Amino acid sequence: LVYFYAGLKKIDLDWLMGWSMQNLSKHWVFSPFSLFMSREMVDVVVIHFGGFTLDLLGGWLLLHSKTRPVAIVLLTKFHLMNAAMFEIGMFPFVMLVTSTIFCDPS
């Protein structure tokens, strides 16, 4: 629910056109993407479009056993990147821990 709501909040012109977080690609966590994309493309494709898509679909991917491993990898990377870039306290780590609720106990 948290991911889906975050995705819904990103349905606005500023976010979808890549204006909300311009120049965030200069942060070191995005350097691997800069090897094969321009900074502008990283801002639009990875940060804005990727963030929107991951937020909108992350929760749904966690619900299904076949897509859960992919969701956990993507969401883990997403939350670790957020923890490195922003000072938002324990939120990324709480979200990492709560994603394990979707895993089978076995």
PDB file of N, CA and C in Angstrom:
ATOM      1  N   LEU A   1       0.825  -1.193   0.000  1.00  0.00           N
ATOM      2  CA  LEU A   1       0.000   0.000   0.000  1.00  0.00           C
ATOM      3  C   LEU A   1       0.875   1.264   0.000  1.00  0.00           C
ATOM      4  N   VAL A   2       1.969   1.223   0.754  1.00  0.00           N
ATOM      5  CA  VAL A   2       2.870   2.384   0.813  1.00  0.00           C
ATOM      6  C   VAL A   2       3.447   2.669  -0.568  1.00  0.00           C
ATOM      7  N   TYR A   3       3.896   1.629  -1.259  1.00  0.00           N
ATOM      8  CA  TYR A   3       4.496   1.820  -2.580  1.00  0.00           C
ATOM      9  C   TYR A   3       3.465   2.338  -3.579  1.00  0.00           C
ATOM     10  N   PHE A   4       2.289   1.724  -3.588  1.00  0.00           N
ATOM     11  CA  PHE A   4       1.250   2.111  -4.538  1.00  0.00           C
ATOM     12  C   PHE A   4       0.833   3.570  -4.327  1.00  0.00           C
ATOM     13  N   TYR A   5       0.661   3.962  -3.072  1.00  0.00           N
ATOM     14  CA  TYR A   5       0.289   5.352  -2.780  1.00  0.00           C
ATOM     15  C   TYR A   5       1.386   6.311  -3.233  1.00  0.00           C
ATOM     16  N   ALA A   6       2.641   5.942  -3.013  1.00  0.00           N
ATOM     17  CA  ALA A   6       3.759   6.780  -3.470  1.00  0.00           C
ATOM     18  C   ALA A   6       3.742   6.909  -4.990  1.00  0.00           C
ATOM     19  N   GLY A   7       3.401   5.822  -5.677  1.00  0.00           N
ATOM     20  CA  GLY A   7       3.287   5.872  -7.138  1.00  0.00           C
ATOM     21  C   GLY A   7       2.164   6.784  -7.593  1.00  0.00           C
ATOM     22  N   LEU A   8       1.033   6.715  -6.901  1.00  0.00           N
ATOM     23  CA  LEU A   8      -0.087   7.599  -7.241  1.00  0.00           C
ATOM     24  C   LEU A   8       0.279   9.067  -7.032  1.00  0.00           C
ATOM     25  N   LYS A   9       1.045   9.350  -5.991  1.00  0.00           N
ATOM     26  CA  LYS A   9       1.452  10.735  -5.724  1.00  0.00           C
ATOM     27  C   LYS A   9       2.391  11.258  -6.810  1.00  0.00           C
ATOM     28  N   LYS A  10       3.024  10.359  -7.546  1.00  0.00           N
ATOM     29  CA  LYS A  10       3.954  10.772  -8.591  1.00  0.00           C
ATOM     30  C   LYS A  10       3.251  11.009  -9.932  1.00  0.00           C
ATOM     31  N   ILE A  11       1.954  10.819  -9.977  1.00  0.00           N
ATOM     32  CA  ILE A  11       1.228  11.079 -11.225  1.00  0.00           C
ATOM     33  C   ILE A  11       0.938  12.576 -11.300  1.00  0.00           C
ATOM     34  N   ASP A  12       1.949  13.320 -11.647  1.00  0.00           N
ATOM     35  CA  ASP A  12       1.796  14.742 -11.917  1.00  0.00           C
ATOM     36  C   ASP A  12       2.818  15.141 -12.973  1.00  0.00           C
ATOM     37  N   LEU A  13       2.591  16.270 -13.576  1.00  0.00           N
ATOM     38  CA  LEU A  13       3.421  16.696 -14.698  1.00  0.00           C
ATOM     39  C   LEU A  13       4.881  16.880 -14.297  1.00  0.00           C
ATOM     40  N   ASP A  14       5.122  17.457 -13.121  1.00  0.00           N
ATOM     41  CA  ASP A  14       6.503  17.680 -12.684  1.00  0.00           C
ATOM     42  C   ASP A  14       7.284  16.380 -12.595  1.00  0.00           C
ATOM     43  N   TRP A  15       6.674  15.348 -12.023  1.00  0.00           N
ATOM     44  CA  TRP A  15       7.387  14.082 -11.854  1.00  0.00           C
ATOM     45  C   TRP A  15       7.535  13.357 -13.187  1.00  0.00           C
ATOM     46  N   LEU A  16       6.451  13.234 -13.925  1.00  0.00           N
ATOM     47  CA  LEU A  16       6.478  12.441 -15.153  1.00  0.00           C
ATOM     48  C   LEU A  16       7.291  13.088 -16.278  1.00  0.00           C
ATOM     49  N   MET A  17       7.481  14.391 -16.227  1.00  0.00           N
ATOM     50  CA  MET A  17       8.305  15.065 -17.231  1.00  0.00           C
ATOM     51  C   MET A  17       9.767  15.175 -16.789  1.00  0.00           C
ATOM     52  N   GLY A  18      10.071  14.723 -15.572  1.00  0.00           N
ATOM     53  CA  GLY A  18      11.450  14.706 -15.109  1.00  0.00           C
ATOM     54  C   GLY A  18      11.933  16.002 -14.494  1.00  0.00           C
ATOM     55  N   TRP A  19      11.016  16.827 -13.998  1.00  0.00           N
ATOM     56  CA  TRP A  19      11.416  18.114 -13.441  1.00  0.00           C
ATOM     57  C   TRP A  19      11.571  18.089 -11.923  1.00  0.00           C
ATOM     58  N   SER A  20      11.015  17.124 -11.249  1.00  0.00           N
ATOM     59  CA  SER A  20      10.996  17.118  -9.778  1.00  0.00           C
ATOM     60  C   SER A  20      12.371  16.956  -9.149  1.00  0.00           C
ATOM     61  N   MET A  21      13.166  16.076  -9.693  1.00  0.00           N
ATOM     62  CA  MET A  21      14.462  15.763  -9.094  1.00  0.00           C
ATOM     63  C   MET A  21      15.570  15.931 -10.117  1.00  0.00           C
ATOM     64  N   GLN A  22      15.632  17.072 -10.751  1.00  0.00           N
ATOM     65  CA  GLN A  22      16.673  17.318 -11.744  1.00  0.00           C
ATOM     66  C   GLN A  22      18.043  17.312 -11.074  1.00  0.00           C
ATOM     67  N   ASN A  23      19.010  16.819 -11.802  1.00  0.00           N
ATOM     68  CA  ASN A  23      20.410  16.776 -11.373  1.00  0.00           C
ATOM     69  C   ASN A  23      20.680  15.834 -10.203  1.00  0.00           C
ATOM     70  N   LEU A  24      19.733  15.002  -9.847  1.00  0.00           N
ATOM     71  CA  LEU A  24      19.980  14.009  -8.803  1.00  0.00           C
ATOM     72  C   LEU A  24      20.971  12.952  -9.302  1.00  0.00           C
ATOM     73  N   SER A  25      21.078  12.838 -10.610  1.00  0.00           N
ATOM     74  CA  SER A  25      21.988  11.849 -11.199  1.00  0.00           C
ATOM     75  C   SER A  25      23.452  12.152 -10.897  1.00  0.00           C
ATOM     76  N   LYS A  26      23.753  13.334 -10.381  1.00  0.00           N
ATOM     77  CA  LYS A  26      25.131  13.675 -10.022  1.00  0.00           C
ATOM     78  C   LYS A  26      25.593  12.939  -8.767  1.00  0.00           C
ATOM     79  N   HIS A  27      24.644  12.378  -8.015  1.00  0.00           N
ATOM     80  CA  HIS A  27      24.999  11.645  -6.795  1.00  0.00           C
ATOM     81  C   HIS A  27      25.734  10.366  -7.186  1.00  0.00           C
ATOM     82  N   TRP A  28      26.685   9.952  -6.351  1.00  0.00           N
ATOM     83  CA  TRP A  28      27.531   8.787  -6.668  1.00  0.00           C
ATOM     84  C   TRP A  28      26.749   7.492  -6.824  1.00  0.00           C
ATOM     85  N   VAL A  29      25.569   7.366  -6.231  1.00  0.00           N
ATOM     86  CA  VAL A  29      24.839   6.097  -6.349  1.00  0.00           C
ATOM     87  C   VAL A  29      24.364   5.835  -7.776  1.00  0.00           C
ATOM     88  N   PHE A  30      24.329   6.871  -8.593  1.00  0.00           N
ATOM     89  CA  PHE A  30      23.890   6.698  -9.977  1.00  0.00           C
ATOM     90  C   PHE A  30      25.043   6.556 -10.956  1.00  0.00           C
ATOM     91  N   SER A  31      26.285   6.516 -10.452  1.00  0.00           N
ATOM     92  CA  SER A  31      27.421   6.406 -11.366  1.00  0.00           C
ATOM     93  C   SER A  31      27.387   5.180 -12.273  1.00  0.00           C
ATOM     94  N   PRO A  32      26.922   4.011 -11.822  1.00  0.00           N
ATOM     95  CA  PRO A  32      26.869   2.884 -12.775  1.00  0.00           C
ATOM     96  C   PRO A  32      25.983   3.170 -13.990  1.00  0.00           C
ATOM     97  N   PHE A  33      24.904   3.915 -13.795  1.00  0.00           N
ATOM     98  CA  PHE A  33      24.029   4.237 -14.922  1.00  0.00           C
ATOM     99  C   PHE A  33      24.685   5.242 -15.865  1.00  0.00           C
ATOM    100  N   SER A  34      25.536   6.082 -15.315  1.00  0.00           N
ATOM    101  CA  SER A  34      26.205   7.106 -16.126  1.00  0.00           C
ATOM    102  C   SER A  34      27.220   6.504 -17.091  1.00  0.00           C
ATOM    103  N   LEU A  35      27.548   5.243 -16.921  1.00  0.00           N
ATOM    104  CA  LEU A  35      28.480   4.586 -17.840  1.00  0.00           C
ATOM    105  C   LEU A  35      27.871   4.391 -19.224  1.00  0.00           C
ATOM    106  N   PHE A  36      26.539   4.261 -19.288  1.00  0.00           N
ATOM    107  CA  PHE A  36      25.912   4.022 -20.590  1.00  0.00           C
ATOM    108  C   PHE A  36      24.737   4.950 -20.880  1.00  0.00           C
ATOM    109  N   MET A  37      24.510   5.944 -20.006  1.00  0.00           N
ATOM    110  CA  MET A  37      23.444   6.923 -20.234  1.00  0.00           C
ATOM    111  C   MET A  37      23.962   8.314 -19.875  1.00  0.00           C
ATOM    112  N   SER A  38      23.419   9.317 -20.520  1.00  0.00           N
ATOM    113  CA  SER A  38      23.765  10.691 -20.144  1.00  0.00           C
ATOM    114  C   SER A  38      23.097  11.010 -18.805  1.00  0.00           C
ATOM    115  N   ARG A  39      23.581  12.022 -18.121  1.00  0.00           N
ATOM    116  CA  ARG A  39      22.996  12.413 -16.835  1.00  0.00           C
ATOM    117  C   ARG A  39      21.518  12.788 -16.987  1.00  0.00           C
ATOM    118  N   GLU A  40      21.189  13.447 -18.087  1.00  0.00           N
ATOM    119  CA  GLU A  40      19.797  13.824 -18.319  1.00  0.00           C
ATOM    120  C   GLU A  40      18.914  12.592 -18.463  1.00  0.00           C
ATOM    121  N   MET A  41      19.426  11.579 -19.155  1.00  0.00           N
ATOM    122  CA  MET A  41      18.664  10.339 -19.322  1.00  0.00           C
ATOM    123  C   MET A  41      18.521   9.604 -17.994  1.00  0.00           C
ATOM    124  N   VAL A  42      19.564   9.632 -17.174  1.00  0.00           N
ATOM    125  CA  VAL A  42      19.487   9.005 -15.848  1.00  0.00           C
ATOM    126  C   VAL A  42      18.414   9.705 -15.023  1.00  0.00           C
ATOM    127  N   ASP A  43      18.396  11.047 -15.079  1.00  0.00           N
ATOM    128  CA  ASP A  43      17.373  11.799 -14.345  1.00  0.00           C
ATOM    129  C   ASP A  43      15.966  11.402 -14.775  1.00  0.00           C
ATOM    130  N   VAL A  44      15.744  11.314 -16.080  1.00  0.00           N
ATOM    131  CA  VAL A  44      14.397  11.045 -16.580  1.00  0.00           C
ATOM    132  C   VAL A  44      14.047   9.564 -16.482  1.00  0.00           C
ATOM    133  N   VAL A  45      14.893   8.709 -17.018  1.00  0.00           N
ATOM    134  CA  VAL A  45      14.555   7.290 -17.130  1.00  0.00           C
ATOM    135  C   VAL A  45      14.687   6.556 -15.803  1.00  0.00           C
ATOM    136  N   VAL A  46      15.830   6.670 -15.164  1.00  0.00           N
ATOM    137  CA  VAL A  46      16.074   5.889 -13.944  1.00  0.00           C
ATOM    138  C   VAL A  46      15.341   6.489 -12.747  1.00  0.00           C
ATOM    139  N   ILE A  47      15.543   7.775 -12.512  1.00  0.00           N
ATOM    140  CA  ILE A  47      15.001   8.389 -11.307  1.00  0.00           C
ATOM    141  C   ILE A  47      13.498   8.606 -11.413  1.00  0.00           C
ATOM    142  N   HIS A  48      13.058   9.283 -12.454  1.00  0.00           N
ATOM    143  CA  HIS A  48      11.642   9.623 -12.540  1.00  0.00           C
ATOM    144  C   HIS A  48      10.778   8.452 -13.016  1.00  0.00           C
ATOM    145  N   PHE A  49      11.091   7.916 -14.195  1.00  0.00           N
ATOM    146  CA  PHE A  49      10.261   6.827 -14.718  1.00  0.00           C
ATOM    147  C   PHE A  49      10.448   5.550 -13.894  1.00  0.00           C
ATOM    148  N   GLY A  50      11.708   5.241 -13.542  1.00  0.00           N
ATOM    149  CA  GLY A  50      11.968   4.045 -12.735  1.00  0.00           C
ATOM    150  C   GLY A  50      11.353   4.146 -11.344  1.00  0.00           C
ATOM    151  N   GLY A  51      11.492   5.317 -10.709  1.00  0.00           N
ATOM    152  CA  GLY A  51      10.898   5.517  -9.388  1.00  0.00           C
ATOM    153  C   GLY A  51       9.391   5.415  -9.421  1.00  0.00           C
ATOM    154  N   PHE A  52       8.784   6.010 -10.439  1.00  0.00           N
ATOM    155  CA  PHE A  52       7.330   5.941 -10.608  1.00  0.00           C
ATOM    156  C   PHE A  52       6.870   4.493 -10.792  1.00  0.00           C
ATOM    157  N   THR A  53       7.537   3.777 -11.681  1.00  0.00           N
ATOM    158  CA  THR A  53       7.158   2.393 -11.969  1.00  0.00           C
ATOM    159  C   THR A  53       7.364   1.493 -10.754  1.00  0.00           C
ATOM    160  N   LEU A  54       8.495   1.633 -10.099  1.00  0.00           N
ATOM    161  CA  LEU A  54       8.774   0.802  -8.927  1.00  0.00           C
ATOM    162  C   LEU A  54       7.782   1.083  -7.802  1.00  0.00           C
ATOM    163  N   ASP A  55       7.483   2.353  -7.571  1.00  0.00           N
ATOM    164  CA  ASP A  55       6.504   2.679  -6.534  1.00  0.00           C
ATOM    165  C   ASP A  55       5.130   2.140  -6.878  1.00  0.00           C
ATOM    166  N   LEU A  56       4.726   2.279  -8.125  1.00  0.00           N
ATOM    167  CA  LEU A  56       3.391   1.846  -8.519  1.00  0.00           C
ATOM    168  C   LEU A  56       3.252   0.324  -8.499  1.00  0.00           C
ATOM    169  N   LEU A  57       4.318  -0.388  -8.855  1.00  0.00           N
ATOM    170  CA  LEU A  57       4.230  -1.847  -8.984  1.00  0.00           C
ATOM    171  C   LEU A  57       4.916  -2.637  -7.870  1.00  0.00           C
ATOM    172  N   GLY A  58       5.744  -1.986  -7.046  1.00  0.00           N
ATOM    173  CA  GLY A  58       6.530  -2.698  -6.036  1.00  0.00           C
ATOM    174  C   GLY A  58       5.704  -3.572  -5.109  1.00  0.00           C
ATOM    175  N   GLY A  59       4.631  -3.031  -4.587  1.00  0.00           N
ATOM    176  CA  GLY A  59       3.767  -3.799  -3.684  1.00  0.00           C
ATOM    177  C   GLY A  59       3.109  -4.980  -4.370  1.00  0.00           C
ATOM    178  N   TRP A  60       2.673  -4.768  -5.603  1.00  0.00           N
ATOM    179  CA  TRP A  60       2.039  -5.852  -6.361  1.00  0.00           C
ATOM    180  C   TRP A  60       3.040  -6.957  -6.673  1.00  0.00           C
ATOM    181  N   LEU A  61       4.275  -6.579  -6.981  1.00  0.00           N
ATOM    182  CA  LEU A  61       5.299  -7.589  -7.260  1.00  0.00           C
ATOM    183  C   LEU A  61       5.625  -8.413  -6.016  1.00  0.00           C
ATOM    184  N   LEU A  62       5.544  -7.792  -4.840  1.00  0.00           N
ATOM    185  CA  LEU A  62       5.792  -8.522  -3.589  1.00  0.00           C
ATOM    186  C   LEU A  62       4.700  -9.545  -3.289  1.00  0.00           C
ATOM    187  N   LEU A  63       3.516  -9.302  -3.777  1.00  0.00           N
ATOM    188  CA  LEU A  63       2.382 -10.188  -3.467  1.00  0.00           C
ATOM    189  C   LEU A  63       2.450 -11.541  -4.170  1.00  0.00           C
ATOM    190  N   HIS A  64       3.149 -11.624  -5.264  1.00  0.00           N
ATOM    191  CA  HIS A  64       3.174 -12.855  -6.059  1.00  0.00           C
ATOM    192  C   HIS A  64       4.514 -13.573  -5.903  1.00  0.00           C
ATOM    193  N   SER A  65       4.461 -14.852  -5.630  1.00  0.00           N
ATOM    194  CA  SER A  65       5.682 -15.616  -5.335  1.00  0.00           C
ATOM    195  C   SER A  65       6.671 -15.627  -6.504  1.00  0.00           C
ATOM    196  N   LYS A  66       6.182 -15.582  -7.736  1.00  0.00           N
ATOM    197  CA  LYS A  66       7.086 -15.626  -8.888  1.00  0.00           C
ATOM    198  C   LYS A  66       7.835 -14.311  -9.084  1.00  0.00           C
ATOM    199  N   THR A  67       7.228 -13.204  -8.731  1.00  0.00           N
ATOM    200  CA  THR A  67       7.876 -11.903  -8.925  1.00  0.00           C
ATOM    201  C   THR A  67       8.503 -11.374  -7.638  1.00  0.00           C
ATOM    202  N   ARG A  68       8.271 -12.032  -6.518  1.00  0.00           N
ATOM    203  CA  ARG A  68       8.777 -11.566  -5.224  1.00  0.00           C
ATOM    204  C   ARG A  68      10.301 -11.423  -5.179  1.00  0.00           C
ATOM    205  N   PRO A  69      11.081 -12.396  -5.679  1.00  0.00           N
ATOM    206  CA  PRO A  69      12.543 -12.223  -5.629  1.00  0.00           C
ATOM    207  C   PRO A  69      13.023 -10.989  -6.390  1.00  0.00           C
ATOM    208  N   VAL A  70      12.449 -10.731  -7.542  1.00  0.00           N
ATOM    209  CA  VAL A  70      12.817  -9.548  -8.317  1.00  0.00           C
ATOM    210  C   VAL A  70      12.439  -8.288  -7.547  1.00  0.00           C
ATOM    211  N   ALA A  71      11.242  -8.289  -6.969  1.00  0.00           N
ATOM    212  CA  ALA A  71      10.779  -7.130  -6.199  1.00  0.00           C
ATOM    213  C   ALA A  71      11.694  -6.863  -5.012  1.00  0.00           C
ATOM    214  N   ILE A  72      12.099  -7.902  -4.317  1.00  0.00           N
ATOM    215  CA  ILE A  72      12.951  -7.707  -3.140  1.00  0.00           C
ATOM    216  C   ILE A  72      14.306  -7.138  -3.549  1.00  0.00           C
ATOM    217  N   VAL A  73      14.875  -7.631  -4.641  1.00  0.00           N
ATOM    218  CA  VAL A  73      16.160  -7.095  -5.112  1.00  0.00           C
ATOM    219  C   VAL A  73      16.014  -5.623  -5.500  1.00  0.00           C
ATOM    220  N   LEU A  74      15.006  -5.296  -6.305  1.00  0.00           N
ATOM    221  CA  LEU A  74      14.814  -3.920  -6.757  1.00  0.00           C
ATOM    222  C   LEU A  74      14.508  -2.977  -5.595  1.00  0.00           C
ATOM    223  N   LEU A  75      13.623  -3.404  -4.696  1.00  0.00           N
ATOM    224  CA  LEU A  75      13.257  -2.550  -3.570  1.00  0.00           C
ATOM    225  C   LEU A  75      14.413  -2.380  -2.590  1.00  0.00           C
ATOM    226  N   THR A  76      15.221  -3.413  -2.425  1.00  0.00           N
ATOM    227  CA  THR A  76      16.396  -3.293  -1.557  1.00  0.00           C
ATOM    228  C   THR A  76      17.363  -2.251  -2.118  1.00  0.00           C
ATOM    229  N   LYS A  77      17.634  -2.339  -3.415  1.00  0.00           N
ATOM    230  CA  LYS A  77      18.512  -1.351  -4.045  1.00  0.00           C
ATOM    231  C   LYS A  77      17.915   0.054  -3.931  1.00  0.00           C
ATOM    232  N   PHE A  78      16.625   0.160  -4.152  1.00  0.00           N
ATOM    233  CA  PHE A  78      15.929   1.446  -4.068  1.00  0.00           C
ATOM    234  C   PHE A  78      16.062   2.054  -2.671  1.00  0.00           C
ATOM    235  N   HIS A  79      15.813   1.260  -1.647  1.00  0.00           N
ATOM    236  CA  HIS A  79      15.861   1.789  -0.285  1.00  0.00           C
ATOM    237  C   HIS A  79      17.293   2.077   0.178  1.00  0.00           C
ATOM    238  N   LEU A  80      18.241   1.276  -0.246  1.00  0.00           N
ATOM    239  CA  LEU A  80      19.635   1.563   0.107  1.00  0.00           C
ATOM    240  C   LEU A  80      20.129   2.833  -0.587  1.00  0.00           C
ATOM    241  N   MET A  81      19.687   3.039  -1.825  1.00  0.00           N
ATOM    242  CA  MET A  81      20.034   4.276  -2.516  1.00  0.00           C
ATOM    243  C   MET A  81      19.409   5.477  -1.819  1.00  0.00           C
ATOM    244  N   ASN A  82      18.154   5.353  -1.409  1.00  0.00           N
ATOM    245  CA  ASN A  82      17.497   6.446  -0.688  1.00  0.00           C
ATOM    246  C   ASN A  82      18.196   6.744   0.626  1.00  0.00           C
ATOM    247  N   ALA A  83      18.607   5.701   1.331  1.00  0.00           N
ATOM    248  CA  ALA A  83      19.302   5.891   2.605  1.00  0.00           C
ATOM    249  C   ALA A  83      20.633   6.613   2.391  1.00  0.00           C
ATOM    250  N   ALA A  84      21.310   6.325   1.268  1.00  0.00           N
ATOM    251  CA  ALA A  84      22.591   6.968   0.985  1.00  0.00           C
ATOM    252  C   ALA A  84      22.426   8.421   0.532  1.00  0.00           C
ATOM    253  N   MET A  85      21.321   8.719  -0.151  1.00  0.00           N
ATOM    254  CA  MET A  85      21.142  10.057  -0.721  1.00  0.00           C
ATOM    255  C   MET A  85      20.446  11.047   0.204  1.00  0.00           C
ATOM    256  N   PHE A  86      19.469  10.580   0.941  1.00  0.00           N
ATOM    257  CA  PHE A  86      18.621  11.484   1.718  1.00  0.00           C
ATOM    258  C   PHE A  86      18.731  11.191   3.206  1.00  0.00           C
ATOM    259  N   GLU A  87      18.566  12.192   3.997  1.00  0.00           N
ATOM    260  CA  GLU A  87      18.526  12.008   5.450  1.00  0.00           C
ATOM    261  C   GLU A  87      17.065  11.872   5.867  1.00  0.00           C
ATOM    262  N   ILE A  88      16.548  10.647   5.725  1.00  0.00           N
ATOM    263  CA  ILE A  88      15.137  10.410   6.041  1.00  0.00           C
ATOM    264  C   ILE A  88      14.986   9.421   7.186  1.00  0.00           C
ATOM    265  N   GLY A  89      16.002   9.346   8.001  1.00  0.00           N
ATOM    266  CA  GLY A  89      15.913   8.532   9.207  1.00  0.00           C
ATOM    267  C   GLY A  89      15.858   7.046   8.923  1.00  0.00           C
ATOM    268  N   MET A  90      15.032   6.358   9.676  1.00  0.00           N
ATOM    269  CA  MET A  90      14.950   4.896   9.621  1.00  0.00           C
ATOM    270  C   MET A  90      14.013   4.378   8.536  1.00  0.00           C
ATOM    271  N   PHE A  91      13.308   5.260   7.834  1.00  0.00           N
ATOM    272  CA  PHE A  91      12.289   4.820   6.880  1.00  0.00           C
ATOM    273  C   PHE A  91      12.789   3.777   5.878  1.00  0.00           C
ATOM    274  N   PRO A  92      13.923   3.989   5.193  1.00  0.00           N
ATOM    275  CA  PRO A  92      14.356   2.970   4.227  1.00  0.00           C
ATOM    276  C   PRO A  92      14.624   1.615   4.881  1.00  0.00           C
ATOM    277  N   PHE A  93      15.151   1.640   6.095  1.00  0.00           N
ATOM    278  CA  PHE A  93      15.472   0.384   6.773  1.00  0.00           C
ATOM    279  C   PHE A  93      14.215  -0.308   7.290  1.00  0.00           C
ATOM    280  N   VAL A  94      13.241   0.464   7.721  1.00  0.00           N
ATOM    281  CA  VAL A  94      11.954  -0.115   8.148  1.00  0.00           C
ATOM    282  C   VAL A  94      11.278  -0.766   6.941  1.00  0.00           C
ATOM    283  N   MET A  95      11.332  -0.110   5.799  1.00  0.00           N
ATOM    284  CA  MET A  95      10.727  -0.685   4.597  1.00  0.00           C
ATOM    285  C   MET A  95      11.465  -1.948   4.150  1.00  0.00           C
ATOM    286  N   LEU A  96      12.774  -1.975   4.315  1.00  0.00           N
ATOM    287  CA  LEU A  96      13.537  -3.185   3.989  1.00  0.00           C
ATOM    288  C   LEU A  96      13.106  -4.347   4.870  1.00  0.00           C
ATOM    289  N   VAL A  97      12.981  -4.085   6.155  1.00  0.00           N
ATOM    290  CA  VAL A  97      12.599  -5.149   7.094  1.00  0.00           C
ATOM    291  C   VAL A  97      11.169  -5.609   6.836  1.00  0.00           C
ATOM    292  N   THR A  98      10.268  -4.674   6.581  1.00  0.00           N
ATOM    293  CA  THR A  98       8.868  -5.075   6.384  1.00  0.00           C
ATOM    294  C   THR A  98       8.662  -5.830   5.070  1.00  0.00           C
ATOM    295  N   SER A  99       9.552  -5.664   4.104  1.00  0.00           N
ATOM    296  CA  SER A  99       9.399  -6.424   2.859  1.00  0.00           C
ATOM    297  C   SER A  99       9.583  -7.924   3.090  1.00  0.00           C
ATOM    298  N   THR A 100      10.266  -8.289   4.160  1.00  0.00           N
ATOM    299  CA  THR A 100      10.428  -9.724   4.455  1.00  0.00           C
ATOM    300  C   THR A 100       9.133 -10.378   4.927  1.00  0.00           C
ATOM    301  N   ILE A 101       8.156  -9.582   5.296  1.00  0.00           N
ATOM    302  CA  ILE A 101       6.846 -10.126   5.690  1.00  0.00           C
ATOM    303  C   ILE A 101       6.236 -10.931   4.545  1.00  0.00           C
ATOM    304  N   PHE A 102       6.565 -10.577   3.325  1.00  0.00           N
ATOM    305  CA  PHE A 102       5.992 -11.234   2.159  1.00  0.00           C
ATOM    306  C   PHE A 102       6.667 -12.552   1.811  1.00  0.00           C
ATOM    307  N   CYS A 103       7.777 -12.856   2.475  1.00  0.00           N
ATOM    308  CA  CYS A 103       8.519 -14.093   2.187  1.00  0.00           C
ATOM    309  C   CYS A 103       7.896 -15.286   2.900  1.00  0.00           C
ATOM    310  N   ASP A 104       8.039 -16.453   2.264  1.00  0.00           N
ATOM    311  CA  ASP A 104       7.577 -17.692   2.895  1.00  0.00           C
ATOM    312  C   ASP A 104       8.476 -18.029   4.085  1.00  0.00           C
ATOM    313  N   PRO A 105       7.902 -18.505   5.175  1.00  0.00           N
ATOM    314  CA  PRO A 105       8.720 -18.858   6.329  1.00  0.00           C
ATOM    315  C   PRO A 105       9.666 -20.033   6.063  1.00  0.00           C
ATOM    316  N   SER A 106       9.379 -20.831   5.066  1.00  0.00           N
ATOM    317  CA  SER A 106      10.211 -22.030   4.824  1.00  0.00           C
ATOM    318  C   SER A 106      11.423 -21.765   4.029  1.00  0.00           C
TER     319      SER A 106
END
